[in-house]
Amino acid sequence: MAINVLRVGFDMMKHSIAGLMDEAPDSDTLQMIRAVISENATGAIEAHDIRVRTAGSLSFIEFHLVVPGAMSVSNSHEICDKVEHALRRHIGRAIIHIHVEPEEKAKQTGIPVLA
């Protein structure tokens, strides 16, 4: 009986601490985030260096978004706003940082953006 109480207590404490510490999301969540970025960044070329972590109910999402070098700041900002709104609809509370880069910074290993 005592061993069972210890095991259940350990599991509960592990779950509680995980919610307070930064955690990487599961692969399904990461795949969903990649899909949302790809589907909503029309006009961009690719997204790379995607980093996601959660702390409690808050998610932190950071990535680089490659746009055509001649694109105006205003147009690239519109793309970023659209992606941010879509991510928040799917994720909920999130702090999102998008670093916009010109096309010569493309890594060719990022996720392509759907046209």
PDB file of N, CA and C in Angstrom:
ATOM      1  N   MET A   1       0.820  -1.176   0.000  1.00  0.00           N
ATOM      2  CA  MET A   1       0.000   0.000   0.000  1.00  0.00           C
ATOM      3  C   MET A   1       0.875   1.256   0.000  1.00  0.00           C
ATOM      4  N   ALA A   2       1.906   1.256   0.818  1.00  0.00           N
ATOM      5  CA  ALA A   2       2.782   2.428   0.915  1.00  0.00           C
ATOM      6  C   ALA A   2       3.503   2.676  -0.408  1.00  0.00           C
ATOM      7  N   ILE A   3       3.894   1.618  -1.083  1.00  0.00           N
ATOM      8  CA  ILE A   3       4.581   1.766  -2.376  1.00  0.00           C
ATOM      9  C   ILE A   3       3.637   2.388  -3.396  1.00  0.00           C
ATOM     10  N   ASN A   4       2.392   1.979  -3.397  1.00  0.00           N
ATOM     11  CA  ASN A   4       1.404   2.546  -4.316  1.00  0.00           C
ATOM     12  C   ASN A   4       1.196   4.035  -4.028  1.00  0.00           C
ATOM     13  N   VAL A   5       1.124   4.428  -2.763  1.00  0.00           N
ATOM     14  CA  VAL A   5       0.961   5.833  -2.392  1.00  0.00           C
ATOM     15  C   VAL A   5       2.167   6.632  -2.875  1.00  0.00           C
ATOM     16  N   LEU A   6       3.370   6.095  -2.697  1.00  0.00           N
ATOM     17  CA  LEU A   6       4.588   6.771  -3.162  1.00  0.00           C
ATOM     18  C   LEU A   6       4.594   6.916  -4.684  1.00  0.00           C
ATOM     19  N   ARG A   7       4.195   5.861  -5.389  1.00  0.00           N
ATOM     20  CA  ARG A   7       4.183   5.900  -6.851  1.00  0.00           C
ATOM     21  C   ARG A   7       3.200   6.947  -7.362  1.00  0.00           C
ATOM     22  N   VAL A   8       1.987   6.960  -6.814  1.00  0.00           N
ATOM     23  CA  VAL A   8       0.974   7.930  -7.227  1.00  0.00           C
ATOM     24  C   VAL A   8       1.426   9.344  -6.866  1.00  0.00           C
ATOM     25  N   GLY A   9       1.994   9.519  -5.697  1.00  0.00           N
ATOM     26  CA  GLY A   9       2.498  10.834  -5.289  1.00  0.00           C
ATOM     27  C   GLY A   9       3.609  11.322  -6.201  1.00  0.00           C
ATOM     28  N   PHE A  10       4.507  10.426  -6.568  1.00  0.00           N
ATOM     29  CA  PHE A  10       5.596  10.790  -7.484  1.00  0.00           C
ATOM     30  C   PHE A  10       5.042  11.210  -8.848  1.00  0.00           C
ATOM     31  N   ASP A  11       4.080  10.453  -9.368  1.00  0.00           N
ATOM     32  CA  ASP A  11       3.473  10.786 -10.662  1.00  0.00           C
ATOM     33  C   ASP A  11       2.782  12.148 -10.616  1.00  0.00           C
ATOM     34  N   MET A  12       2.080  12.426  -9.527  1.00  0.00           N
ATOM     35  CA  MET A  12       1.399  13.715  -9.394  1.00  0.00           C
ATOM     36  C   MET A  12       2.408  14.859  -9.307  1.00  0.00           C
ATOM     37  N   MET A  13       3.473  14.663  -8.545  1.00  0.00           N
ATOM     38  CA  MET A  13       4.482  15.702  -8.408  1.00  0.00           C
ATOM     39  C   MET A  13       5.216  15.929  -9.737  1.00  0.00           C
ATOM     40  N   LYS A  14       5.515  14.864 -10.439  1.00  0.00           N
ATOM     41  CA  LYS A  14       6.183  14.967 -11.743  1.00  0.00           C
ATOM     42  C   LYS A  14       5.325  15.775 -12.715  1.00  0.00           C
ATOM     43  N   HIS A  15       4.026  15.500 -12.756  1.00  0.00           N
ATOM     44  CA  HIS A  15       3.105  16.225 -13.636  1.00  0.00           C
ATOM     45  C   HIS A  15       3.012  17.702 -13.242  1.00  0.00           C
ATOM     46  N   SER A  16       2.948  17.985 -11.951  1.00  0.00           N
ATOM     47  CA  SER A  16       2.851  19.374 -11.477  1.00  0.00           C
ATOM     48  C   SER A  16       4.110  20.165 -11.795  1.00  0.00           C
ATOM     49  N   ILE A  17       5.259  19.575 -11.586  1.00  0.00           N
ATOM     50  CA  ILE A  17       6.521  20.262 -11.856  1.00  0.00           C
ATOM     51  C   ILE A  17       6.689  20.486 -13.355  1.00  0.00           C
ATOM     52  N   ALA A  18       6.264  19.525 -14.164  1.00  0.00           N
ATOM     53  CA  ALA A  18       6.381  19.676 -15.620  1.00  0.00           C
ATOM     54  C   ALA A  18       5.600  20.887 -16.105  1.00  0.00           C
ATOM     55  N   GLY A  19       4.480  21.190 -15.475  1.00  0.00           N
ATOM     56  CA  GLY A  19       3.689  22.352 -15.868  1.00  0.00           C
ATOM     57  C   GLY A  19       4.352  23.670 -15.526  1.00  0.00           C
ATOM     58  N   LEU A  20       5.249  23.661 -14.563  1.00  0.00           N
ATOM     59  CA  LEU A  20       5.951  24.879 -14.165  1.00  0.00           C
ATOM     60  C   LEU A  20       7.250  25.085 -14.924  1.00  0.00           C
ATOM     61  N   MET A  21       7.837  24.026 -15.391  1.00  0.00           N
ATOM     62  CA  MET A  21       9.115  24.103 -16.097  1.00  0.00           C
ATOM     63  C   MET A  21       8.864  24.197 -17.602  1.00  0.00           C
ATOM     64  N   ASP A  22       9.849  24.738 -18.314  1.00  0.00           N
ATOM     65  CA  ASP A  22       9.750  24.776 -19.774  1.00  0.00           C
ATOM     66  C   ASP A  22       9.796  23.356 -20.310  1.00  0.00           C
ATOM     67  N   GLU A  23       8.880  23.056 -21.200  1.00  0.00           N
ATOM     68  CA  GLU A  23       8.804  21.732 -21.798  1.00  0.00           C
ATOM     69  C   GLU A  23       8.662  21.861 -23.296  1.00  0.00           C
ATOM     70  N   ALA A  24       9.255  20.942 -24.020  1.00  0.00           N
ATOM     71  CA  ALA A  24       9.043  20.886 -25.466  1.00  0.00           C
ATOM     72  C   ALA A  24       7.673  20.247 -25.707  1.00  0.00           C
ATOM     73  N   PRO A  25       6.969  20.692 -26.738  1.00  0.00           N
ATOM     74  CA  PRO A  25       5.651  20.097 -27.011  1.00  0.00           C
ATOM     75  C   PRO A  25       5.808  18.699 -27.605  1.00  0.00           C
ATOM     76  N   ASP A  26       4.719  17.947 -27.601  1.00  0.00           N
ATOM     77  CA  ASP A  26       4.746  16.633 -28.227  1.00  0.00           C
ATOM     78  C   ASP A  26       4.832  16.793 -29.746  1.00  0.00           C
ATOM     79  N   SER A  27       5.153  15.729 -30.442  1.00  0.00           N
ATOM     80  CA  SER A  27       5.376  15.801 -31.890  1.00  0.00           C
ATOM     81  C   SER A  27       4.113  16.198 -32.655  1.00  0.00           C
ATOM     82  N   ASP A  28       2.937  15.818 -32.170  1.00  0.00           N
ATOM     83  CA  ASP A  28       1.691  16.209 -32.846  1.00  0.00           C
ATOM     84  C   ASP A  28       1.474  17.724 -32.784  1.00  0.00           C
ATOM     85  N   THR A  29       1.753  18.307 -31.634  1.00  0.00           N
ATOM     86  CA  THR A  29       1.604  19.761 -31.487  1.00  0.00           C
ATOM     87  C   THR A  29       2.601  20.487 -32.372  1.00  0.00           C
ATOM     88  N   LEU A  30       3.839  20.017 -32.385  1.00  0.00           N
ATOM     89  CA  LEU A  30       4.853  20.653 -33.227  1.00  0.00           C
ATOM     90  C   LEU A  30       4.480  20.547 -34.704  1.00  0.00           C
ATOM     91  N   GLN A  31       3.963  19.410 -35.115  1.00  0.00           N
ATOM     92  CA  GLN A  31       3.533  19.237 -36.505  1.00  0.00           C
ATOM     93  C   GLN A  31       2.374  20.171 -36.838  1.00  0.00           C
ATOM     94  N   MET A  32       1.447  20.356 -35.894  1.00  0.00           N
ATOM     95  CA  MET A  32       0.326  21.263 -36.103  1.00  0.00           C
ATOM     96  C   MET A  32       0.813  22.702 -36.240  1.00  0.00           C
ATOM     97  N   ILE A  33       1.779  23.092 -35.420  1.00  0.00           N
ATOM     98  CA  ILE A  33       2.340  24.444 -35.500  1.00  0.00           C
ATOM     99  C   ILE A  33       3.002  24.659 -36.848  1.00  0.00           C
ATOM    100  N   ARG A  34       3.765  23.688 -37.314  1.00  0.00           N
ATOM    101  CA  ARG A  34       4.407  23.784 -38.629  1.00  0.00           C
ATOM    102  C   ARG A  34       3.357  23.930 -39.732  1.00  0.00           C
ATOM    103  N   ALA A  35       2.277  23.173 -39.641  1.00  0.00           N
ATOM    104  CA  ALA A  35       1.219  23.241 -40.656  1.00  0.00           C
ATOM    105  C   ALA A  35       0.534  24.605 -40.643  1.00  0.00           C
ATOM    106  N   VAL A  36       0.265  25.141 -39.453  1.00  0.00           N
ATOM    107  CA  VAL A  36      -0.384  26.455 -39.352  1.00  0.00           C
ATOM    108  C   VAL A  36       0.504  27.531 -39.962  1.00  0.00           C
ATOM    109  N   ILE A  37       1.799  27.476 -39.681  1.00  0.00           N
ATOM    110  CA  ILE A  37       2.724  28.452 -40.265  1.00  0.00           C
ATOM    111  C   ILE A  37       2.716  28.324 -41.780  1.00  0.00           C
ATOM    112  N   SER A  38       2.841  27.110 -42.271  1.00  0.00           N
ATOM    113  CA  SER A  38       2.896  26.872 -43.714  1.00  0.00           C
ATOM    114  C   SER A  38       1.633  27.359 -44.422  1.00  0.00           C
ATOM    115  N   GLU A  39       0.479  27.115 -43.841  1.00  0.00           N
ATOM    116  CA  GLU A  39      -0.790  27.456 -44.476  1.00  0.00           C
ATOM    117  C   GLU A  39      -1.125  28.946 -44.407  1.00  0.00           C
ATOM    118  N   ASN A  40      -0.520  29.675 -43.472  1.00  0.00           N
ATOM    119  CA  ASN A  40      -0.915  31.068 -43.257  1.00  0.00           C
ATOM    120  C   ASN A  40       0.146  32.095 -43.614  1.00  0.00           C
ATOM    121  N   ALA A  41       1.281  31.663 -44.102  1.00  0.00           N
ATOM    122  CA  ALA A  41       2.356  32.599 -44.434  1.00  0.00           C
ATOM    123  C   ALA A  41       2.455  32.814 -45.939  1.00  0.00           C
ATOM    124  N   THR A  42       1.324  32.880 -46.604  1.00  0.00           N
ATOM    125  CA  THR A  42       1.301  33.104 -48.047  1.00  0.00           C
ATOM    126  C   THR A  42       2.050  34.385 -48.390  1.00  0.00           C
ATOM    127  N   GLY A  43       2.964  34.271 -49.337  1.00  0.00           N
ATOM    128  CA  GLY A  43       3.801  35.404 -49.719  1.00  0.00           C
ATOM    129  C   GLY A  43       5.221  35.249 -49.226  1.00  0.00           C
ATOM    130  N   ALA A  44       5.416  34.420 -48.194  1.00  0.00           N
ATOM    131  CA  ALA A  44       6.759  34.136 -47.684  1.00  0.00           C
ATOM    132  C   ALA A  44       7.331  32.944 -48.446  1.00  0.00           C
ATOM    133  N   ILE A  45       8.610  32.678 -48.259  1.00  0.00           N
ATOM    134  CA  ILE A  45       9.285  31.597 -48.961  1.00  0.00           C
ATOM    135  C   ILE A  45       9.400  30.353 -48.089  1.00  0.00           C
ATOM    136  N   GLU A  46       9.861  30.518 -46.861  1.00  0.00           N
ATOM    137  CA  GLU A  46       9.999  29.384 -45.943  1.00  0.00           C
ATOM    138  C   GLU A  46      10.055  29.886 -44.506  1.00  0.00           C
ATOM    139  N   ALA A  47       9.901  28.952 -43.594  1.00  0.00           N
ATOM    140  CA  ALA A  47      10.093  29.217 -42.173  1.00  0.00           C
ATOM    141  C   ALA A  47      11.103  28.195 -41.662  1.00  0.00           C
ATOM    142  N   HIS A  48      12.053  28.651 -40.862  1.00  0.00           N
ATOM    143  CA  HIS A  48      13.040  27.724 -40.308  1.00  0.00           C
ATOM    144  C   HIS A  48      13.409  28.121 -38.880  1.00  0.00           C
ATOM    145  N   ASP A  49      14.226  27.297 -38.246  1.00  0.00           N
ATOM    146  CA  ASP A  49      14.649  27.498 -36.856  1.00  0.00           C
ATOM    147  C   ASP A  49      13.447  27.670 -35.929  1.00  0.00           C
ATOM    148  N   ILE A  50      12.469  26.795 -36.083  1.00  0.00           N
ATOM    149  CA  ILE A  50      11.251  26.865 -35.268  1.00  0.00           C
ATOM    150  C   ILE A  50      11.548  26.276 -33.893  1.00  0.00           C
ATOM    151  N   ARG A  51      11.279  27.068 -32.867  1.00  0.00           N
ATOM    152  CA  ARG A  51      11.481  26.625 -31.485  1.00  0.00           C
ATOM    153  C   ARG A  51      10.182  26.846 -30.724  1.00  0.00           C
ATOM    154  N   VAL A  52       9.754  25.819 -30.024  1.00  0.00           N
ATOM    155  CA  VAL A  52       8.511  25.903 -29.260  1.00  0.00           C
ATOM    156  C   VAL A  52       8.764  25.321 -27.876  1.00  0.00           C
ATOM    157  N   ARG A  53       8.263  26.006 -26.870  1.00  0.00           N
ATOM    158  CA  ARG A  53       8.323  25.490 -25.510  1.00  0.00           C
ATOM    159  C   ARG A  53       7.081  25.958 -24.775  1.00  0.00           C
ATOM    160  N   THR A  54       6.735  25.249 -23.742  1.00  0.00           N
ATOM    161  CA  THR A  54       5.577  25.629 -22.948  1.00  0.00           C
ATOM    162  C   THR A  54       5.980  25.750 -21.488  1.00  0.00           C
ATOM    163  N   ALA A  55       5.332  26.649 -20.798  1.00  0.00           N
ATOM    164  CA  ALA A  55       5.492  26.812 -19.352  1.00  0.00           C
ATOM    165  C   ALA A  55       4.096  27.038 -18.802  1.00  0.00           C
ATOM    166  N   GLY A  56       3.582  26.048 -18.131  1.00  0.00           N
ATOM    167  CA  GLY A  56       2.203  26.119 -17.657  1.00  0.00           C
ATOM    168  C   GLY A  56       1.249  26.133 -18.841  1.00  0.00           C
ATOM    169  N   SER A  57       0.367  27.119 -18.889  1.00  0.00           N
ATOM    170  CA  SER A  57      -0.592  27.194 -19.996  1.00  0.00           C
ATOM    171  C   SER A  57      -0.127  28.129 -21.107  1.00  0.00           C
ATOM    172  N   LEU A  58       1.090  28.646 -21.008  1.00  0.00           N
ATOM    173  CA  LEU A  58       1.617  29.606 -21.973  1.00  0.00           C
ATOM    174  C   LEU A  58       2.641  28.939 -22.887  1.00  0.00           C
ATOM    175  N   SER A  59       2.492  29.160 -24.185  1.00  0.00           N
ATOM    176  CA  SER A  59       3.447  28.633 -25.163  1.00  0.00           C
ATOM    177  C   SER A  59       4.335  29.757 -25.668  1.00  0.00           C
ATOM    178  N   PHE A  60       5.573  29.431 -25.951  1.00  0.00           N
ATOM    179  CA  PHE A  60       6.528  30.368 -26.533  1.00  0.00           C
ATOM    180  C   PHE A  60       6.928  29.801 -27.892  1.00  0.00           C
ATOM    181  N   ILE A  61       6.682  30.568 -28.949  1.00  0.00           N
ATOM    182  CA  ILE A  61       6.966  30.118 -30.311  1.00  0.00           C
ATOM    183  C   ILE A  61       7.886  31.132 -30.966  1.00  0.00           C
ATOM    184  N   GLU A  62       9.014  30.663 -31.483  1.00  0.00           N
ATOM    185  CA  GLU A  62       9.966  31.523 -32.175  1.00  0.00           C
ATOM    186  C   GLU A  62      10.347  30.855 -33.489  1.00  0.00           C
ATOM    187  N   PHE A  63      10.475  31.653 -34.555  1.00  0.00           N
ATOM    188  CA  PHE A  63      10.968  31.119 -35.818  1.00  0.00           C
ATOM    189  C   PHE A  63      11.398  32.236 -36.743  1.00  0.00           C
ATOM    190  N   HIS A  64      12.130  31.869 -37.775  1.00  0.00           N
ATOM    191  CA  HIS A  64      12.560  32.808 -38.808  1.00  0.00           C
ATOM    192  C   HIS A  64      11.651  32.620 -40.011  1.00  0.00           C
ATOM    193  N   LEU A  65      11.187  33.720 -40.574  1.00  0.00           N
ATOM    194  CA  LEU A  65      10.327  33.688 -41.751  1.00  0.00           C
ATOM    195  C   LEU A  65      11.067  34.374 -42.897  1.00  0.00           C
ATOM    196  N   VAL A  66      11.333  33.628 -43.952  1.00  0.00           N
ATOM    197  CA  VAL A  66      12.066  34.158 -45.105  1.00  0.00           C
ATOM    198  C   VAL A  66      11.063  34.701 -46.106  1.00  0.00           C
ATOM    199  N   VAL A  67      11.271  35.969 -46.496  1.00  0.00           N
ATOM    200  CA  VAL A  67      10.398  36.633 -47.468  1.00  0.00           C
ATOM    201  C   VAL A  67      11.249  37.123 -48.634  1.00  0.00           C
ATOM    202  N   PRO A  68      10.628  37.425 -49.783  1.00  0.00           N
ATOM    203  CA  PRO A  68      11.392  38.003 -50.894  1.00  0.00           C
ATOM    204  C   PRO A  68      12.104  39.280 -50.442  1.00  0.00           C
ATOM    205  N   GLY A  69      13.346  39.449 -50.880  1.00  0.00           N
ATOM    206  CA  GLY A  69      14.144  40.590 -50.450  1.00  0.00           C
ATOM    207  C   GLY A  69      13.534  41.931 -50.783  1.00  0.00           C
ATOM    208  N   ALA A  70      12.762  41.997 -51.836  1.00  0.00           N
ATOM    209  CA  ALA A  70      12.164  43.268 -52.258  1.00  0.00           C
ATOM    210  C   ALA A  70      10.820  43.547 -51.581  1.00  0.00           C
ATOM    211  N   MET A  71      10.352  42.636 -50.740  1.00  0.00           N
ATOM    212  CA  MET A  71       9.062  42.826 -50.085  1.00  0.00           C
ATOM    213  C   MET A  71       9.152  43.979 -49.089  1.00  0.00           C
ATOM    214  N   SER A  72       8.111  44.785 -49.031  1.00  0.00           N
ATOM    215  CA  SER A  72       8.102  45.910 -48.101  1.00  0.00           C
ATOM    216  C   SER A  72       7.937  45.420 -46.661  1.00  0.00           C
ATOM    217  N   VAL A  73       8.353  46.254 -45.745  1.00  0.00           N
ATOM    218  CA  VAL A  73       8.186  45.947 -44.324  1.00  0.00           C
ATOM    219  C   VAL A  73       6.705  45.789 -44.002  1.00  0.00           C
ATOM    220  N   SER A  74       5.885  46.628 -44.586  1.00  0.00           N
ATOM    221  CA  SER A  74       4.449  46.568 -44.350  1.00  0.00           C
ATOM    222  C   SER A  74       3.861  45.224 -44.782  1.00  0.00           C
ATOM    223  N   ASN A  75       4.247  44.751 -45.952  1.00  0.00           N
ATOM    224  CA  ASN A  75       3.731  43.463 -46.445  1.00  0.00           C
ATOM    225  C   ASN A  75       4.226  42.302 -45.587  1.00  0.00           C
ATOM    226  N   SER A  76       5.491  42.325 -45.200  1.00  0.00           N
ATOM    227  CA  SER A  76       5.999  41.237 -44.364  1.00  0.00           C
ATOM    228  C   SER A  76       5.326  41.272 -42.984  1.00  0.00           C
ATOM    229  N   HIS A  77       5.012  42.458 -42.492  1.00  0.00           N
ATOM    230  CA  HIS A  77       4.324  42.583 -41.212  1.00  0.00           C
ATOM    231  C   HIS A  77       2.911  42.009 -41.296  1.00  0.00           C
ATOM    232  N   GLU A  78       2.238  42.215 -42.410  1.00  0.00           N
ATOM    233  CA  GLU A  78       0.896  41.636 -42.602  1.00  0.00           C
ATOM    234  C   GLU A  78       0.946  40.117 -42.557  1.00  0.00           C
ATOM    235  N   ILE A  79       1.969  39.532 -43.190  1.00  0.00           N
ATOM    236  CA  ILE A  79       2.122  38.072 -43.159  1.00  0.00           C
ATOM    237  C   ILE A  79       2.329  37.606 -41.721  1.00  0.00           C
ATOM    238  N   CYS A  80       3.206  38.288 -40.998  1.00  0.00           N
ATOM    239  CA  CYS A  80       3.475  37.921 -39.602  1.00  0.00           C
ATOM    240  C   CYS A  80       2.207  38.008 -38.755  1.00  0.00           C
ATOM    241  N   ASP A  81       1.427  39.069 -38.938  1.00  0.00           N
ATOM    242  CA  ASP A  81       0.174  39.211 -38.187  1.00  0.00           C
ATOM    243  C   ASP A  81      -0.783  38.059 -38.473  1.00  0.00           C
ATOM    244  N   LYS A  82      -0.899  37.681 -39.738  1.00  0.00           N
ATOM    245  CA  LYS A  82      -1.791  36.590 -40.123  1.00  0.00           C
ATOM    246  C   LYS A  82      -1.346  35.270 -39.475  1.00  0.00           C
ATOM    247  N   VAL A  83      -0.040  35.016 -39.498  1.00  0.00           N
ATOM    248  CA  VAL A  83       0.492  33.789 -38.891  1.00  0.00           C
ATOM    249  C   VAL A  83       0.269  33.803 -37.377  1.00  0.00           C
ATOM    250  N   GLU A  84       0.540  34.935 -36.737  1.00  0.00           N
ATOM    251  CA  GLU A  84       0.341  35.037 -35.284  1.00  0.00           C
ATOM    252  C   GLU A  84      -1.112  34.773 -34.897  1.00  0.00           C
ATOM    253  N   HIS A  85      -2.047  35.380 -35.599  1.00  0.00           N
ATOM    254  CA  HIS A  85      -3.468  35.178 -35.284  1.00  0.00           C
ATOM    255  C   HIS A  85      -3.867  33.709 -35.464  1.00  0.00           C
ATOM    256  N   ALA A  86      -3.385  33.092 -36.523  1.00  0.00           N
ATOM    257  CA  ALA A  86      -3.709  31.680 -36.763  1.00  0.00           C
ATOM    258  C   ALA A  86      -3.117  30.796 -35.671  1.00  0.00           C
ATOM    259  N   LEU A  87      -1.884  31.065 -35.275  1.00  0.00           N
ATOM    260  CA  LEU A  87      -1.266  30.262 -34.206  1.00  0.00           C
ATOM    261  C   LEU A  87      -2.037  30.406 -32.899  1.00  0.00           C
ATOM    262  N   ARG A  88      -2.448  31.620 -32.586  1.00  0.00           N
ATOM    263  CA  ARG A  88      -3.189  31.820 -31.338  1.00  0.00           C
ATOM    264  C   ARG A  88      -4.561  31.142 -31.376  1.00  0.00           C
ATOM    265  N   ARG A  89      -5.189  31.076 -32.561  1.00  0.00           N
ATOM    266  CA  ARG A  89      -6.472  30.357 -32.681  1.00  0.00           C
ATOM    267  C   ARG A  89      -6.281  28.872 -32.379  1.00  0.00           C
ATOM    268  N   HIS A  90      -5.149  28.317 -32.788  1.00  0.00           N
ATOM    269  CA  HIS A  90      -4.912  26.883 -32.605  1.00  0.00           C
ATOM    270  C   HIS A  90      -4.245  26.546 -31.271  1.00  0.00           C
ATOM    271  N   ILE A  91      -3.392  27.415 -30.777  1.00  0.00           N
ATOM    272  CA  ILE A  91      -2.608  27.135 -29.576  1.00  0.00           C
ATOM    273  C   ILE A  91      -3.234  27.728 -28.323  1.00  0.00           C
ATOM    274  N   GLY A  92      -3.822  28.896 -28.443  1.00  0.00           N
ATOM    275  CA  GLY A  92      -4.323  29.608 -27.266  1.00  0.00           C
ATOM    276  C   GLY A  92      -3.315  30.666 -26.862  1.00  0.00           C
ATOM    277  N   ARG A  93      -3.066  30.764 -25.580  1.00  0.00           N
ATOM    278  CA  ARG A  93      -2.127  31.777 -25.084  1.00  0.00           C
ATOM    279  C   ARG A  93      -0.724  31.468 -25.576  1.00  0.00           C
ATOM    280  N   ALA A  94      -0.112  32.456 -26.229  1.00  0.00           N
ATOM    281  CA  ALA A  94       1.235  32.241 -26.764  1.00  0.00           C
ATOM    282  C   ALA A  94       1.961  33.564 -26.905  1.00  0.00           C
ATOM    283  N   ILE A  95       3.249  33.512 -26.676  1.00  0.00           N
ATOM    284  CA  ILE A  95       4.134  34.626 -26.987  1.00  0.00           C
ATOM    285  C   ILE A  95       4.879  34.195 -28.241  1.00  0.00           C
ATOM    286  N   ILE A  96       4.717  34.970 -29.298  1.00  0.00           N
ATOM    287  CA  ILE A  96       5.240  34.575 -30.607  1.00  0.00           C
ATOM    288  C   ILE A  96       6.256  35.608 -31.078  1.00  0.00           C
ATOM    289  N   HIS A  97       7.443  35.141 -31.433  1.00  0.00           N
ATOM    290  CA  HIS A  97       8.485  36.003 -31.993  1.00  0.00           C
ATOM    291  C   HIS A  97       8.808  35.498 -33.388  1.00  0.00           C
ATOM    292  N   ILE A  98       8.644  36.364 -34.368  1.00  0.00           N
ATOM    293  CA  ILE A  98       8.940  36.009 -35.752  1.00  0.00           C
ATOM    294  C   ILE A  98      10.058  36.933 -36.231  1.00  0.00           C
ATOM    295  N   HIS A  99      11.153  36.332 -36.638  1.00  0.00           N
ATOM    296  CA  HIS A  99      12.281  37.095 -37.181  1.00  0.00           C
ATOM    297  C   HIS A  99      12.194  37.023 -38.705  1.00  0.00           C
ATOM    298  N   VAL A 100      11.979  38.155 -39.364  1.00  0.00           N
ATOM    299  CA  VAL A 100      11.839  38.192 -40.818  1.00  0.00           C
ATOM    300  C   VAL A 100      13.223  38.325 -41.442  1.00  0.00           C
ATOM    301  N   GLU A 101      13.481  37.483 -42.455  1.00  0.00           N
ATOM    302  CA  GLU A 101      14.765  37.491 -43.153  1.00  0.00           C
ATOM    303  C   GLU A 101      14.541  37.577 -44.654  1.00  0.00           C
ATOM    304  N   PRO A 102      15.507  38.167 -45.390  1.00  0.00           N
ATOM    305  CA  PRO A 102      15.402  38.207 -46.851  1.00  0.00           C
ATOM    306  C   PRO A 102      15.731  36.842 -47.449  1.00  0.00           C
ATOM    307  N   GLU A 103      15.327  36.649 -48.704  1.00  0.00           N
ATOM    308  CA  GLU A 103      15.433  35.335 -49.344  1.00  0.00           C
ATOM    309  C   GLU A 103      16.848  34.761 -49.398  1.00  0.00           C
ATOM    310  N   GLU A 104      17.876  35.599 -49.390  1.00  0.00           N
ATOM    311  CA  GLU A 104      19.230  35.048 -49.424  1.00  0.00           C
ATOM    312  C   GLU A 104      19.617  34.352 -48.116  1.00  0.00           C
ATOM    313  N   LYS A 105      18.776  34.483 -47.094  1.00  0.00           N
ATOM    314  CA  LYS A 105      19.002  33.808 -45.814  1.00  0.00           C
ATOM    315  C   LYS A 105      18.262  32.461 -45.722  1.00  0.00           C
ATOM    316  N   ALA A 106      17.580  32.071 -46.793  1.00  0.00           N
ATOM    317  CA  ALA A 106      16.841  30.801 -46.778  1.00  0.00           C
ATOM    318  C   ALA A 106      17.818  29.654 -46.562  1.00  0.00           C
ATOM    319  N   LYS A 107      17.393  28.691 -45.768  1.00  0.00           N
ATOM    320  CA  LYS A 107      18.250  27.544 -45.447  1.00  0.00           C
ATOM    321  C   LYS A 107      17.948  26.335 -46.324  1.00  0.00           C
ATOM    322  N   GLN A 108      16.848  26.377 -47.041  1.00  0.00           N
ATOM    323  CA  GLN A 108      16.427  25.244 -47.871  1.00  0.00           C
ATOM    324  C   GLN A 108      16.120  23.996 -47.038  1.00  0.00           C
ATOM    325  N   THR A 109      16.176  24.126 -45.726  1.00  0.00           N
ATOM    326  CA  THR A 109      15.829  22.986 -44.858  1.00  0.00           C
ATOM    327  C   THR A 109      14.606  23.311 -44.025  1.00  0.00           C
ATOM    328  N   GLY A 110      14.108  24.543 -44.183  1.00  0.00           N
ATOM    329  CA  GLY A 110      12.930  24.952 -43.429  1.00  0.00           C
ATOM    330  C   GLY A 110      11.670  24.399 -44.073  1.00  0.00           C
ATOM    331  N   ILE A 111      10.534  24.733 -43.470  1.00  0.00           N
ATOM    332  CA  ILE A 111       9.269  24.281 -44.037  1.00  0.00           C
ATOM    333  C   ILE A 111       8.873  25.267 -45.131  1.00  0.00           C
ATOM    334  N   PRO A 112       8.565  24.761 -46.305  1.00  0.00           N
ATOM    335  CA  PRO A 112       8.122  25.671 -47.362  1.00  0.00           C
ATOM    336  C   PRO A 112       6.735  26.203 -47.034  1.00  0.00           C
ATOM    337  N   VAL A 113       6.485  27.401 -47.489  1.00  0.00           N
ATOM    338  CA  VAL A 113       5.183  28.020 -47.255  1.00  0.00           C
ATOM    339  C   VAL A 113       4.301  27.717 -48.442  1.00  0.00           C
ATOM    340  N   LEU A 114       3.064  27.312 -48.146  1.00  0.00           N
ATOM    341  CA  LEU A 114       2.119  27.001 -49.219  1.00  0.00           C
ATOM    342  C   LEU A 114       1.741  28.279 -49.941  1.00  0.00           C
ATOM    343  N   ALA A 115       1.759  28.246 -51.252  1.00  0.00           N
ATOM    344  CA  ALA A 115       1.410  29.438 -52.043  1.00  0.00           C
ATOM    345  C   ALA A 115      -0.076  29.570 -52.184  1.00  0.00           C
TER     346      ALA A 115
END
